[in-house]
Amino acid sequence: MEENGRDYEAEAMEQGWNPDFDGPNKTDAKTFVERGEKIAGILKSKVTKLEERLHGLEEANHKFGEYHKLTLEREKRKTEKLKEELEGQLAQAITDGDGQAYTRYQREIDDLKASQAQAPVDDQQAWAQMSQQWISENPWYTQNRKLALFADGLSDQIRAQGYTGKAYFSELSRQVKEEFPEEFKNPNKSKANAVEDSGSKGSGNSKARTYENLPSDAKKACDDFVAQGFMTKEDYVKQFEFDE
């Protein structure tokens, strides 16, 4: 079947359409191709948004890494200055023959050296690892644009308050959850309520915009997208163009 210069039957068969299928969800070649294009469009939109979020996260990680590097360098200079002062006081204690002062300053120098030895060899790498772990433990950051934008806006503020390392991520999570408690309710309860609402609204209405009324191929695509974390079932139904 050709229309507008397109061979819909050939395209549909390449995509898995069976012209001999005679089940309850049978569709013609044109409808099959057009539905596939709708599904592909939704996926492309979601992938683009996800790529934008990941790019923004990479930039935020790099920015914080530079900030943290400068902080470490500043702390290192302060430590070196303190060490020089202590060594000067140690030398004076030797000159004065003050054994008690010598012991005190030597102990402070030893403690300072020990604290320097415990510093991470590659702090930026440690930060990247903590960042990735936090993202894996907080999937809302890549799945909920509203929460992600709010979290990004808090970044500089939390750093300015002196939070670093794991304390930074812990405070970031706390403030986001405190601001949007409704986003972190029991998902199973919310899902059960959504199913009840959907069932009551959809009963007796075969044209309702619900998951149950999606074509079989669209349902399969929806299930795949949800399983891969691209979107929720509700988002897919909202974006799908139902036949009127």
C-alpha atoms as a PDB file:
ATOM      1  CA  MET A   1       0.000   0.000   0.000  1.00  0.00           C
ATOM      2  CA  GLU A   2       1.596   3.233  -1.179  1.00  0.00           C
ATOM      3  CA  GLU A   3       0.497   6.655  -0.046  1.00  0.00           C
ATOM      4  CA  ASN A   4       2.245  10.015  -0.389  1.00  0.00           C
ATOM      5  CA  GLY A   5       5.138   8.235  -2.031  1.00  0.00           C
ATOM      6  CA  ARG A   6       5.648   5.818   0.904  1.00  0.00           C
ATOM      7  CA  ASP A   7       5.306   2.057   0.824  1.00  0.00           C
ATOM      8  CA  TYR A   8       3.756   1.549   4.243  1.00  0.00           C
ATOM      9  CA  GLU A   9       3.477  -2.201   3.886  1.00  0.00           C
ATOM     10  CA  ALA A  10       7.188  -2.564   3.152  1.00  0.00           C
ATOM     11  CA  GLU A  11       8.106  -0.266   6.064  1.00  0.00           C
ATOM     12  CA  ALA A  12       5.730  -2.035   8.440  1.00  0.00           C
ATOM     13  CA  MET A  13       7.031  -5.489   7.538  1.00  0.00           C
ATOM     14  CA  GLU A  14      10.619  -4.334   8.130  1.00  0.00           C
ATOM     15  CA  GLN A  15       9.501  -3.292  11.631  1.00  0.00           C
ATOM     16  CA  GLY A  16       7.860  -6.636  12.398  1.00  0.00           C
ATOM     17  CA  TRP A  17       4.318  -6.149  11.123  1.00  0.00           C
ATOM     18  CA  ASN A  18       2.650  -9.353   9.942  1.00  0.00           C
ATOM     19  CA  PRO A  19       0.056  -8.842   7.182  1.00  0.00           C
ATOM     20  CA  ASP A  20      -1.420 -12.284   7.921  1.00  0.00           C
ATOM     21  CA  PHE A  21      -2.057 -11.555  11.610  1.00  0.00           C
ATOM     22  CA  ASP A  22      -5.778 -11.678  12.383  1.00  0.00           C
ATOM     23  CA  GLY A  23      -5.973 -11.113  16.138  1.00  0.00           C
ATOM     24  CA  PRO A  24      -8.029  -8.582  18.128  1.00  0.00           C
ATOM     25  CA  ASN A  25      -5.266  -5.941  17.936  1.00  0.00           C
ATOM     26  CA  LYS A  26      -4.818  -6.182  14.195  1.00  0.00           C
ATOM     27  CA  THR A  27      -3.816  -2.889  12.521  1.00  0.00           C
ATOM     28  CA  ASP A  28      -3.177  -1.860   8.952  1.00  0.00           C
ATOM     29  CA  ALA A  29       0.362  -1.119   7.759  1.00  0.00           C
ATOM     30  CA  LYS A  30       0.017   2.682   7.840  1.00  0.00           C
ATOM     31  CA  THR A  31      -1.305   2.732  11.422  1.00  0.00           C
ATOM     32  CA  PHE A  32       1.469   0.357  12.514  1.00  0.00           C
ATOM     33  CA  VAL A  33       4.189   2.615  11.017  1.00  0.00           C
ATOM     34  CA  GLU A  34       2.681   5.823  12.395  1.00  0.00           C
ATOM     35  CA  ARG A  35       2.420   4.387  15.904  1.00  0.00           C
ATOM     36  CA  GLY A  36       6.039   3.316  15.709  1.00  0.00           C
ATOM     37  CA  GLU A  37       7.019   6.861  14.763  1.00  0.00           C
ATOM     38  CA  LYS A  38       5.082   8.268  17.730  1.00  0.00           C
ATOM     39  CA  ILE A  39       6.841   5.875  20.096  1.00  0.00           C
ATOM     40  CA  ALA A  40      10.246   6.700  18.584  1.00  0.00           C
ATOM     41  CA  GLY A  41       9.533  10.404  18.987  1.00  0.00           C
ATOM     42  CA  ILE A  42       8.745   9.993  22.685  1.00  0.00           C
ATOM     43  CA  LEU A  43      11.924   7.980  23.245  1.00  0.00           C
ATOM     44  CA  LYS A  44      14.071  10.502  21.381  1.00  0.00           C
ATOM     45  CA  SER A  45      12.684  13.336  23.489  1.00  0.00           C
ATOM     46  CA  LYS A  46      13.417  11.472  26.709  1.00  0.00           C
ATOM     47  CA  VAL A  47      16.940  10.496  25.634  1.00  0.00           C
ATOM     48  CA  THR A  48      17.699  14.112  24.700  1.00  0.00           C
ATOM     49  CA  LYS A  49      16.515  15.333  28.105  1.00  0.00           C
ATOM     50  CA  LEU A  50      18.546  12.649  29.858  1.00  0.00           C
ATOM     51  CA  GLU A  51      21.668  13.596  27.901  1.00  0.00           C
ATOM     52  CA  GLU A  52      21.146  17.243  28.851  1.00  0.00           C
ATOM     53  CA  ARG A  53      20.833  16.295  32.526  1.00  0.00           C
ATOM     54  CA  LEU A  54      23.995  14.173  32.412  1.00  0.00           C
ATOM     55  CA  HIS A  55      25.889  16.971  30.661  1.00  0.00           C
ATOM     56  CA  GLY A  56      24.760  19.419  33.321  1.00  0.00           C
ATOM     57  CA  LEU A  57      25.848  16.992  36.034  1.00  0.00           C
ATOM     58  CA  GLU A  58      29.299  16.617  34.474  1.00  0.00           C
ATOM     59  CA  GLU A  59      29.709  20.390  34.418  1.00  0.00           C
ATOM     60  CA  ALA A  60      28.552  20.676  38.030  1.00  0.00           C
ATOM     61  CA  ASN A  61      30.999  17.938  39.085  1.00  0.00           C
ATOM     62  CA  HIS A  62      33.848  19.668  37.277  1.00  0.00           C
ATOM     63  CA  LYS A  63      32.969  23.031  38.821  1.00  0.00           C
ATOM     64  CA  PHE A  64      32.849  21.576  42.304  1.00  0.00           C
ATOM     65  CA  GLY A  65      36.063  19.646  41.686  1.00  0.00           C
ATOM     66  CA  GLU A  66      37.856  22.906  40.816  1.00  0.00           C
ATOM     67  CA  TYR A  67      36.371  24.619  43.860  1.00  0.00           C
ATOM     68  CA  HIS A  68      37.406  21.756  46.124  1.00  0.00           C
ATOM     69  CA  LYS A  69      40.909  21.756  44.629  1.00  0.00           C
ATOM     70  CA  LEU A  70      41.346  25.455  45.419  1.00  0.00           C
ATOM     71  CA  THR A  71      40.064  24.842  48.950  1.00  0.00           C
ATOM     72  CA  LEU A  72      42.607  22.067  49.478  1.00  0.00           C
ATOM     73  CA  GLU A  73      45.425  24.236  48.138  1.00  0.00           C
ATOM     74  CA  ARG A  74      44.402  27.062  50.481  1.00  0.00           C
ATOM     75  CA  GLU A  75      44.323  24.668  53.440  1.00  0.00           C
ATOM     76  CA  LYS A  76      47.715  23.275  52.427  1.00  0.00           C
ATOM     77  CA  ARG A  77      49.230  26.769  52.419  1.00  0.00           C
ATOM     78  CA  LYS A  78      47.768  27.470  55.866  1.00  0.00           C
ATOM     79  CA  THR A  79      49.181  24.173  57.150  1.00  0.00           C
ATOM     80  CA  GLU A  80      52.640  24.917  55.742  1.00  0.00           C
ATOM     81  CA  LYS A  81      52.589  28.364  57.320  1.00  0.00           C
ATOM     82  CA  LEU A  82      51.602  26.901  60.687  1.00  0.00           C
ATOM     83  CA  LYS A  83      54.348  24.299  60.363  1.00  0.00           C
ATOM     84  CA  GLU A  84      56.948  27.029  59.734  1.00  0.00           C
ATOM     85  CA  GLU A  85      55.739  28.937  62.775  1.00  0.00           C
ATOM     86  CA  LEU A  86      55.945  25.845  64.973  1.00  0.00           C
ATOM     87  CA  GLU A  87      59.431  25.020  63.702  1.00  0.00           C
ATOM     88  CA  GLY A  88      60.527  28.587  64.524  1.00  0.00           C
ATOM     89  CA  GLN A  89      59.086  28.241  68.040  1.00  0.00           C
ATOM     90  CA  LEU A  90      60.804  24.838  68.365  1.00  0.00           C
ATOM     91  CA  ALA A  91      64.155  26.364  67.429  1.00  0.00           C
ATOM     92  CA  GLN A  92      63.616  29.169  69.971  1.00  0.00           C
ATOM     93  CA  ALA A  93      62.823  26.593  72.668  1.00  0.00           C
ATOM     94  CA  ILE A  94      66.143  24.873  71.905  1.00  0.00           C
ATOM     95  CA  THR A  95      67.971  28.207  72.112  1.00  0.00           C
ATOM     96  CA  ASP A  96      66.275  29.015  75.417  1.00  0.00           C
ATOM     97  CA  GLY A  97      66.871  25.529  76.787  1.00  0.00           C
ATOM     98  CA  ASP A  98      63.130  25.215  77.468  1.00  0.00           C
ATOM     99  CA  GLY A  99      62.548  21.464  77.432  1.00  0.00           C
ATOM    100  CA  GLN A 100      58.829  21.728  78.182  1.00  0.00           C
ATOM    101  CA  ALA A 101      58.197  24.121  75.278  1.00  0.00           C
ATOM    102  CA  TYR A 102      60.371  21.968  73.001  1.00  0.00           C
ATOM    103  CA  THR A 103      58.300  18.862  73.800  1.00  0.00           C
ATOM    104  CA  ARG A 104      55.018  20.719  73.199  1.00  0.00           C
ATOM    105  CA  TYR A 105      56.053  22.214  69.846  1.00  0.00           C
ATOM    106  CA  GLN A 106      57.569  18.934  68.652  1.00  0.00           C
ATOM    107  CA  ARG A 107      54.333  17.112  69.455  1.00  0.00           C
ATOM    108  CA  GLU A 108      52.296  19.708  67.531  1.00  0.00           C
ATOM    109  CA  ILE A 109      54.606  19.371  64.532  1.00  0.00           C
ATOM    110  CA  ASP A 110      54.316  15.573  64.606  1.00  0.00           C
ATOM    111  CA  ASP A 111      50.507  15.773  64.785  1.00  0.00           C
ATOM    112  CA  LEU A 112      50.487  18.201  61.862  1.00  0.00           C
ATOM    113  CA  LYS A 113      52.631  15.868  59.748  1.00  0.00           C
ATOM    114  CA  ALA A 114      50.380  12.924  60.611  1.00  0.00           C
ATOM    115  CA  SER A 115      47.262  14.813  59.509  1.00  0.00           C
ATOM    116  CA  GLN A 116      48.942  15.686  56.191  1.00  0.00           C
ATOM    117  CA  ALA A 117      49.858  12.039  55.605  1.00  0.00           C
ATOM    118  CA  GLN A 118      46.207  11.021  56.016  1.00  0.00           C
ATOM    119  CA  ALA A 119      44.984  13.382  53.265  1.00  0.00           C
ATOM    120  CA  PRO A 120      43.632  11.581  50.148  1.00  0.00           C
ATOM    121  CA  VAL A 121      46.124  11.152  47.337  1.00  0.00           C
ATOM    122  CA  ASP A 122      43.605  12.036  44.627  1.00  0.00           C
ATOM    123  CA  ASP A 123      40.788  14.009  46.204  1.00  0.00           C
ATOM    124  CA  GLN A 124      39.116  14.820  42.888  1.00  0.00           C
ATOM    125  CA  GLN A 125      38.857  11.128  42.076  1.00  0.00           C
ATOM    126  CA  ALA A 126      37.399  10.477  45.535  1.00  0.00           C
ATOM    127  CA  TRP A 127      34.833  13.217  44.905  1.00  0.00           C
ATOM    128  CA  ALA A 128      33.837  11.681  41.563  1.00  0.00           C
ATOM    129  CA  GLN A 129      33.324   8.303  43.243  1.00  0.00           C
ATOM    130  CA  MET A 130      31.165   9.824  45.993  1.00  0.00           C
ATOM    131  CA  SER A 131      29.164  11.693  43.353  1.00  0.00           C
ATOM    132  CA  GLN A 132      28.442   8.553  41.337  1.00  0.00           C
ATOM    133  CA  GLN A 133      27.482   6.615  44.466  1.00  0.00           C
ATOM    134  CA  TRP A 134      25.101   9.387  45.531  1.00  0.00           C
ATOM    135  CA  ILE A 135      23.430   9.405  42.091  1.00  0.00           C
ATOM    136  CA  SER A 136      22.935   5.634  42.198  1.00  0.00           C
ATOM    137  CA  GLU A 137      21.363   5.945  45.667  1.00  0.00           C
ATOM    138  CA  ASN A 138      19.177   8.895  44.632  1.00  0.00           C
ATOM    139  CA  PRO A 139      17.664   8.017  41.208  1.00  0.00           C
ATOM    140  CA  TRP A 140      15.278  10.964  41.486  1.00  0.00           C
ATOM    141  CA  TYR A 141      18.173  13.215  40.450  1.00  0.00           C
ATOM    142  CA  THR A 142      18.123  11.866  36.879  1.00  0.00           C
ATOM    143  CA  GLN A 143      14.394  11.065  36.748  1.00  0.00           C
ATOM    144  CA  ASN A 144      12.751  14.173  38.222  1.00  0.00           C
ATOM    145  CA  ARG A 145      13.735  17.418  36.497  1.00  0.00           C
ATOM    146  CA  LYS A 146      12.075  19.623  39.127  1.00  0.00           C
ATOM    147  CA  LEU A 147      14.024  18.030  41.987  1.00  0.00           C
ATOM    148  CA  ALA A 148      17.266  18.015  39.994  1.00  0.00           C
ATOM    149  CA  LEU A 149      17.046  21.730  39.196  1.00  0.00           C
ATOM    150  CA  PHE A 150      16.342  22.522  42.840  1.00  0.00           C
ATOM    151  CA  ALA A 151      19.316  20.389  43.956  1.00  0.00           C
ATOM    152  CA  ASP A 152      21.626  22.118  41.468  1.00  0.00           C
ATOM    153  CA  GLY A 153      20.503  25.483  42.820  1.00  0.00           C
ATOM    154  CA  LEU A 154      21.453  24.417  46.364  1.00  0.00           C
ATOM    155  CA  SER A 155      24.970  23.328  45.425  1.00  0.00           C
ATOM    156  CA  ASP A 156      26.817  26.637  45.910  1.00  0.00           C
ATOM    157  CA  GLN A 157      24.852  27.468  49.052  1.00  0.00           C
ATOM    158  CA  ILE A 158      25.695  24.158  50.737  1.00  0.00           C
ATOM    159  CA  ARG A 159      29.380  24.470  49.826  1.00  0.00           C
ATOM    160  CA  ALA A 160      29.437  28.007  51.201  1.00  0.00           C
ATOM    161  CA  GLN A 161      28.128  26.623  54.498  1.00  0.00           C
ATOM    162  CA  GLY A 162      31.278  24.513  54.745  1.00  0.00           C
ATOM    163  CA  TYR A 163      29.898  21.093  53.821  1.00  0.00           C
ATOM    164  CA  THR A 164      32.330  18.832  51.968  1.00  0.00           C
ATOM    165  CA  GLY A 165      32.626  15.146  51.065  1.00  0.00           C
ATOM    166  CA  LYS A 166      29.844  12.852  52.262  1.00  0.00           C
ATOM    167  CA  ALA A 167      28.484  15.591  54.527  1.00  0.00           C
ATOM    168  CA  TYR A 168      27.810  17.702  51.421  1.00  0.00           C
ATOM    169  CA  PHE A 169      25.732  14.971  49.755  1.00  0.00           C
ATOM    170  CA  SER A 170      23.911  14.150  52.983  1.00  0.00           C
ATOM    171  CA  GLU A 171      22.902  17.792  53.447  1.00  0.00           C
ATOM    172  CA  LEU A 172      21.895  18.081  49.791  1.00  0.00           C
ATOM    173  CA  SER A 173      19.548  15.093  50.100  1.00  0.00           C
ATOM    174  CA  ARG A 174      18.131  16.373  53.383  1.00  0.00           C
ATOM    175  CA  GLN A 175      17.243  19.807  52.019  1.00  0.00           C
ATOM    176  CA  VAL A 176      15.643  18.444  48.844  1.00  0.00           C
ATOM    177  CA  LYS A 177      13.499  15.959  50.800  1.00  0.00           C
ATOM    178  CA  GLU A 178      12.565  18.644  53.314  1.00  0.00           C
ATOM    179  CA  GLU A 179      11.414  20.993  50.534  1.00  0.00           C
ATOM    180  CA  PHE A 180       9.495  18.341  48.547  1.00  0.00           C
ATOM    181  CA  PRO A 181       8.283  15.703  51.064  1.00  0.00           C
ATOM    182  CA  GLU A 182       5.409  14.737  48.761  1.00  0.00           C
ATOM    183  CA  GLU A 183       7.900  13.469  46.161  1.00  0.00           C
ATOM    184  CA  PHE A 184       9.316  10.897  48.589  1.00  0.00           C
ATOM    185  CA  LYS A 185       6.139   9.244  49.840  1.00  0.00           C
ATOM    186  CA  ASN A 186       5.705   5.467  49.703  1.00  0.00           C
ATOM    187  CA  PRO A 187       5.705   4.754  45.928  1.00  0.00           C
ATOM    188  CA  ASN A 188       3.741   1.503  46.346  1.00  0.00           C
ATOM    189  CA  LYS A 189       0.910   3.354  48.067  1.00  0.00           C
ATOM    190  CA  SER A 190       0.875   6.029  45.386  1.00  0.00           C
ATOM    191  CA  LYS A 191       0.876   3.382  42.671  1.00  0.00           C
ATOM    192  CA  ALA A 192      -2.056   1.573  44.298  1.00  0.00           C
ATOM    193  CA  ASN A 193      -4.046   4.797  44.478  1.00  0.00           C
ATOM    194  CA  ALA A 194      -3.242   5.567  40.855  1.00  0.00           C
ATOM    195  CA  VAL A 195      -4.467   2.120  39.781  1.00  0.00           C
ATOM    196  CA  GLU A 196      -7.702   2.569  41.722  1.00  0.00           C
ATOM    197  CA  ASP A 197      -8.310   5.991  40.214  1.00  0.00           C
ATOM    198  CA  SER A 198      -7.509   4.715  36.743  1.00  0.00           C
ATOM    199  CA  GLY A 199      -9.843   1.772  37.131  1.00  0.00           C
ATOM    200  CA  SER A 200     -12.739   3.865  38.392  1.00  0.00           C
ATOM    201  CA  LYS A 201     -12.352   6.535  35.731  1.00  0.00           C
ATOM    202  CA  GLY A 202     -11.740   4.097  32.902  1.00  0.00           C
ATOM    203  CA  SER A 203     -14.642   1.757  33.600  1.00  0.00           C
ATOM    204  CA  GLY A 204     -17.221   1.904  30.891  1.00  0.00           C
ATOM    205  CA  ASN A 205     -15.132   4.200  28.721  1.00  0.00           C
ATOM    206  CA  SER A 206     -13.116   2.422  26.048  1.00  0.00           C
ATOM    207  CA  LYS A 207     -11.771   5.763  24.768  1.00  0.00           C
ATOM    208  CA  ALA A 208     -10.227   6.911  28.083  1.00  0.00           C
ATOM    209  CA  ARG A 209      -6.575   7.922  27.932  1.00  0.00           C
ATOM    210  CA  THR A 210      -5.307   5.069  30.089  1.00  0.00           C
ATOM    211  CA  TYR A 211      -2.588   2.446  29.901  1.00  0.00           C
ATOM    212  CA  GLU A 212      -5.255  -0.234  29.439  1.00  0.00           C
ATOM    213  CA  ASN A 213      -6.461   1.461  26.238  1.00  0.00           C
ATOM    214  CA  LEU A 214      -3.021   1.671  24.631  1.00  0.00           C
ATOM    215  CA  PRO A 215      -2.477  -0.491  21.529  1.00  0.00           C
ATOM    216  CA  SER A 216      -0.502  -3.665  22.272  1.00  0.00           C
ATOM    217  CA  ASP A 217       2.677  -2.401  20.574  1.00  0.00           C
ATOM    218  CA  ALA A 218       2.484   0.886  22.511  1.00  0.00           C
ATOM    219  CA  LYS A 219       2.004  -1.030  25.783  1.00  0.00           C
ATOM    220  CA  LYS A 220       5.145  -3.038  25.094  1.00  0.00           C
ATOM    221  CA  ALA A 221       7.109   0.148  24.338  1.00  0.00           C
ATOM    222  CA  CYS A 222       5.722   1.758  27.497  1.00  0.00           C
ATOM    223  CA  ASP A 223       6.770  -1.253  29.610  1.00  0.00           C
ATOM    224  CA  ASP A 224      10.269  -1.149  28.102  1.00  0.00           C
ATOM    225  CA  PHE A 225      10.671   2.592  28.770  1.00  0.00           C
ATOM    226  CA  VAL A 226       9.486   2.226  32.364  1.00  0.00           C
ATOM    227  CA  ALA A 227      11.815  -0.744  32.970  1.00  0.00           C
ATOM    228  CA  GLN A 228      14.775   1.230  31.614  1.00  0.00           C
ATOM    229  CA  GLY A 229      13.936   4.255  33.760  1.00  0.00           C
ATOM    230  CA  PHE A 230      13.247   6.648  30.880  1.00  0.00           C
ATOM    231  CA  MET A 231       9.789   7.635  32.164  1.00  0.00           C
ATOM    232  CA  THR A 232       6.832   6.573  34.260  1.00  0.00           C
ATOM    233  CA  LYS A 233       3.783   4.811  32.876  1.00  0.00           C
ATOM    234  CA  GLU A 234       1.722   7.939  33.537  1.00  0.00           C
ATOM    235  CA  ASP A 235       4.125  10.150  31.558  1.00  0.00           C
ATOM    236  CA  TYR A 236       4.008   7.788  28.591  1.00  0.00           C
ATOM    237  CA  VAL A 237       0.191   7.749  28.540  1.00  0.00           C
ATOM    238  CA  LYS A 238       0.072  11.540  28.719  1.00  0.00           C
ATOM    239  CA  GLN A 239       2.393  11.884  25.706  1.00  0.00           C
ATOM    240  CA  PHE A 240       0.878   9.166  23.533  1.00  0.00           C
ATOM    241  CA  GLU A 241      -1.474  10.395  20.826  1.00  0.00           C
ATOM    242  CA  PHE A 242      -4.578   8.245  21.069  1.00  0.00           C
ATOM    243  CA  ASP A 243      -6.719   7.761  18.001  1.00  0.00           C
ATOM    244  CA  GLU A 244      -9.886   9.796  18.364  1.00  0.00           C
END
